[in-house]
Amino acid sequence: SILSGCSHAGLLDDGWHFFVSMRRDYSIMPMVEHFVCMIDLLGRSGRLDEGESLITKMPYEPTAVTWMTLLGACRMHSDVERGTRAAE
């Protein structure tokens, strides 16, 4: 997907733009998978606070994949405290 490509290329601003435009411009409600891509993108960019916040604000129950995505970013950026929360 475009969001996954943005995540792997480190294109945070572009990914966020596409994520927001799904709903705003095309009336497409992002699914859990889209939120996970954004959490991955924020995490890879070192914006772990925003990634964790997105998990708590998304209109779906977080899945194991959601938390594992944040946990991977915590490992990448050595955020042990947040990683512990994600692992619970």
Protein backbone atom coordinates (compact mmCIF):
# COMPACT_ATOMS: atom_id res chain seq x y z
CA SER A 1 0.00 0.00 0.00
CA ILE A 2 1.00 3.63 -0.32
CA LEU A 3 1.16 4.03 3.45
CA SER A 4 3.47 1.05 3.81
CA GLY A 5 5.70 2.41 1.06
CA CYS A 6 5.86 5.78 2.80
CA SER A 7 6.76 4.02 6.04
CA HIS A 8 9.65 2.07 4.53
CA ALA A 9 10.90 5.14 2.66
CA GLY A 10 10.68 7.38 5.74
CA LEU A 11 8.18 9.73 4.11
CA LEU A 12 6.29 10.78 7.24
CA ASP A 13 4.65 13.92 5.85
CA ASP A 14 3.53 12.19 2.66
CA GLY A 15 2.18 9.20 4.59
CA TRP A 16 0.27 11.43 6.99
CA HIS A 17 -1.16 13.38 4.04
CA PHE A 18 -2.43 10.21 2.35
CA PHE A 19 -3.82 8.87 5.64
CA VAL A 20 -5.79 12.06 6.33
CA SER A 21 -6.94 12.43 2.73
CA MET A 22 -8.52 8.96 2.77
CA ARG A 23 -11.32 10.25 4.96
CA ARG A 24 -11.28 13.94 4.11
CA ASP A 25 -11.08 13.73 0.33
CA TYR A 26 -12.42 10.27 -0.49
CA SER A 27 -14.77 9.47 2.44
CA ILE A 28 -12.87 6.23 3.06
CA MET A 29 -12.72 5.25 6.72
CA PRO A 30 -9.20 3.99 7.48
CA MET A 31 -9.15 0.38 8.65
CA VAL A 32 -7.02 -1.07 11.42
CA GLU A 33 -4.35 -1.94 8.85
CA HIS A 34 -4.07 1.71 7.84
CA PHE A 35 -3.65 2.76 11.46
CA VAL A 36 -0.93 0.12 11.90
CA CYS A 37 0.92 1.52 8.88
CA MET A 38 0.76 5.00 10.41
CA ILE A 39 1.96 3.70 13.79
CA ASP A 40 4.86 2.03 11.98
CA LEU A 41 5.62 5.24 10.09
CA LEU A 42 5.54 7.34 13.25
CA GLY A 43 7.63 4.75 15.09
CA ARG A 44 10.29 4.53 12.41
CA SER A 45 10.46 8.34 12.49
CA GLY A 46 11.09 8.28 16.25
CA ARG A 47 7.71 9.81 17.06
CA LEU A 48 6.74 7.15 19.55
CA ASP A 49 4.53 9.47 21.62
CA GLU A 50 2.39 10.15 18.57
CA GLY A 51 2.28 6.47 17.64
CA GLU A 52 1.10 5.50 21.11
CA SER A 53 -1.43 8.32 21.09
CA LEU A 54 -2.79 7.17 17.74
CA ILE A 55 -3.34 3.70 19.21
CA THR A 56 -5.42 5.13 22.06
CA LYS A 57 -7.44 7.40 19.75
CA MET A 58 -8.16 5.05 16.85
CA PRO A 59 -11.79 3.93 16.57
CA TYR A 60 -10.84 0.24 16.82
CA GLU A 61 -9.60 -2.01 19.57
CA PRO A 62 -5.83 -2.37 19.21
CA THR A 63 -4.77 -5.76 17.91
CA ALA A 64 -1.66 -7.70 18.82
CA VAL A 65 -0.13 -6.48 15.55
CA THR A 66 -0.83 -2.89 16.59
CA TRP A 67 1.08 -3.30 19.84
CA MET A 68 3.86 -5.35 18.21
CA THR A 69 4.38 -2.55 15.70
CA LEU A 70 4.84 -0.02 18.49
CA LEU A 71 7.03 -2.48 20.39
CA GLY A 72 9.32 -2.84 17.37
CA ALA A 73 9.69 0.92 17.17
CA CYS A 74 10.44 1.06 20.89
CA ARG A 75 13.20 -1.49 20.41
CA MET A 76 14.59 0.48 17.46
CA HIS A 77 14.73 3.68 19.52
CA SER A 78 15.63 2.08 22.89
CA ASP A 79 12.43 3.23 24.62
CA VAL A 80 12.26 0.58 27.32
CA GLU A 81 9.46 2.18 29.36
CA ARG A 82 7.09 2.54 26.41
CA GLY A 83 8.14 -0.89 25.13
CA THR A 84 7.13 -2.41 28.45
CA ARG A 85 3.68 -0.81 28.16
CA ALA A 86 3.33 -2.03 24.58
CA ALA A 87 4.29 -5.56 25.59
CA GLU A 88 1.61 -5.72 28.28
